């Protein structure tokens, strides 16, 4: 019996076989649910999360103007700001099996504008 998540999880596995976060270029992983969006920067060699931001972050609370795409842009800008604080300048983008458009692309574009290099 097929599950609705199976195609996305297959794409996720296919992507993760090709990319991995290193100390010089950690992996920027983005996940979206129906209500929220999450982004984290992970060094896969040590297994540590270097920076984390989501639409539930304290820094973004009370800023509910706009739609989900605008919220994704705020998350992208926040993750770029946190990466600069953690001395991370370049990342490898992991879209986590989601198509690269809409909220996923908004996070990536805002992170690039914030100074991250992909």
Protein backbone atom coordinates (compact mmCIF):
# COMPACT_ATOMS: atom_id res chain seq x y z
CA UNK A 1 0.00 0.00 0.00
CA UNK A 2 1.45 3.34 -1.04
CA UNK A 3 1.64 6.27 1.33
CA UNK A 4 1.31 9.91 0.32
CA UNK A 5 4.75 10.67 1.80
CA UNK A 6 6.58 7.93 -0.11
CA UNK A 7 7.45 9.99 -3.22
CA UNK A 8 8.85 12.88 -1.14
CA UNK A 9 10.84 10.52 1.06
CA UNK A 10 12.29 8.81 -2.03
CA UNK A 11 13.33 12.21 -3.41
CA UNK A 12 14.79 13.11 0.00
CA UNK A 13 16.91 9.94 0.09
CA UNK A 14 18.08 10.53 -3.49
CA UNK A 15 19.14 14.09 -2.63
CA UNK A 16 20.86 13.11 0.64
CA UNK A 17 22.96 10.48 -1.15
CA UNK A 18 24.50 13.28 -3.21
CA UNK A 19 24.94 16.09 -0.67
CA UNK A 20 26.45 16.19 2.78
CA UNK A 21 27.37 19.02 5.10
CA UNK A 22 31.03 19.51 6.00
CA UNK A 23 32.73 21.81 8.45
CA UNK A 24 33.58 24.27 5.65
CA UNK A 25 30.13 24.03 3.98
CA UNK A 26 27.41 22.78 6.29
CA UNK A 27 24.03 21.67 5.01
CA UNK A 28 21.06 24.07 5.14
CA UNK A 29 18.07 21.76 5.54
CA UNK A 30 14.56 23.17 5.06
CA UNK A 31 11.34 21.46 6.12
CA UNK A 32 7.82 22.76 5.66
CA UNK A 33 4.60 21.64 7.26
CA UNK A 34 1.17 22.93 6.43
CA UNK A 35 1.44 25.78 8.97
CA UNK A 36 5.14 26.38 9.65
CA UNK A 37 8.57 26.29 8.05
CA UNK A 38 11.84 25.20 9.65
CA UNK A 39 15.47 25.67 8.62
CA UNK A 40 18.62 24.35 10.24
CA UNK A 41 22.29 24.35 9.37
CA UNK A 42 23.93 20.99 10.09
CA UNK A 43 27.55 19.85 10.07
CA UNK A 44 27.16 16.18 9.09
CA UNK A 45 30.77 15.24 9.88
CA UNK A 46 30.29 16.01 13.58
CA UNK A 47 26.50 15.63 13.66
CA UNK A 48 25.93 19.08 15.18
CA UNK A 49 23.29 21.68 14.41
CA UNK A 50 25.05 25.04 14.02
CA UNK A 51 22.00 27.29 13.58
CA UNK A 52 18.24 26.87 13.70
CA UNK A 53 15.31 29.10 12.75
CA UNK A 54 11.62 28.52 12.22
CA UNK A 55 8.38 30.38 11.94
CA UNK A 56 7.94 29.55 15.65
CA UNK A 57 11.19 31.27 16.68
CA UNK A 58 11.05 33.87 19.44
CA UNK A 59 12.60 36.47 17.15
CA UNK A 60 9.68 36.16 14.71
CA UNK A 61 6.84 36.07 17.24
CA UNK A 62 4.34 38.88 16.89
CA UNK A 63 5.30 39.48 13.26
CA UNK A 64 2.33 37.78 11.62
CA UNK A 65 1.82 40.12 8.69
CA UNK A 66 1.71 38.55 5.28
CA UNK A 67 1.19 35.07 4.01
CA UNK A 68 3.22 31.89 4.48
CA UNK A 69 5.64 32.89 1.74
CA UNK A 70 6.43 36.16 3.54
CA UNK A 71 6.97 34.18 6.73
CA UNK A 72 9.36 31.89 4.85
CA UNK A 73 11.36 34.94 3.74
CA UNK A 74 11.64 36.07 7.37
CA UNK A 75 12.88 32.59 8.35
CA UNK A 76 15.49 32.71 5.56
CA UNK A 77 16.73 36.10 6.70
CA UNK A 78 16.88 34.89 10.32
CA UNK A 79 18.85 31.76 9.44
CA UNK A 80 21.33 33.87 7.47
CA UNK A 81 21.74 36.18 10.46
CA UNK A 82 22.31 33.22 12.81
CA UNK A 83 24.81 31.69 10.38
CA UNK A 84 26.82 34.89 10.34
CA UNK A 85 26.89 34.81 14.14
CA UNK A 86 28.16 31.21 13.97
CA UNK A 87 30.85 32.15 11.36
CA UNK A 88 29.22 30.18 8.55
CA UNK A 89 29.49 31.85 5.16
CA UNK A 90 28.74 29.08 2.65
CA UNK A 91 26.23 26.24 2.83
CA UNK A 92 24.90 23.36 0.75
CA UNK A 93 21.14 23.65 0.24
CA UNK A 94 18.99 20.62 1.11
CA UNK A 95 15.38 21.06 -0.02
CA UNK A 96 14.44 17.85 1.81
CA UNK A 97 12.52 16.35 -1.13
CA UNK A 98 10.25 19.35 -1.59
CA UNK A 99 10.00 21.02 -5.01
CA UNK A 100 12.16 24.14 -5.31
CA UNK A 101 9.44 26.78 -5.57
CA UNK A 102 7.14 28.73 -3.30
CA UNK A 103 8.14 28.72 0.35
CA UNK A 104 11.29 26.62 -0.15
CA UNK A 105 12.60 29.03 -2.80
CA UNK A 106 11.63 32.00 -0.59
CA UNK A 107 13.80 30.68 2.26
CA UNK A 108 16.72 30.15 -0.13
CA UNK A 109 16.41 33.58 -1.74
CA UNK A 110 16.17 35.37 1.61
CA UNK A 111 19.18 33.45 2.93
CA UNK A 112 21.17 34.46 -0.16
CA UNK A 113 20.15 38.10 0.33
CA UNK A 114 21.25 37.78 3.95
CA UNK A 115 24.76 36.90 2.85
CA UNK A 116 24.87 33.08 2.66
CA UNK A 117 26.56 31.57 -0.37
CA UNK A 118 25.07 28.42 -1.91
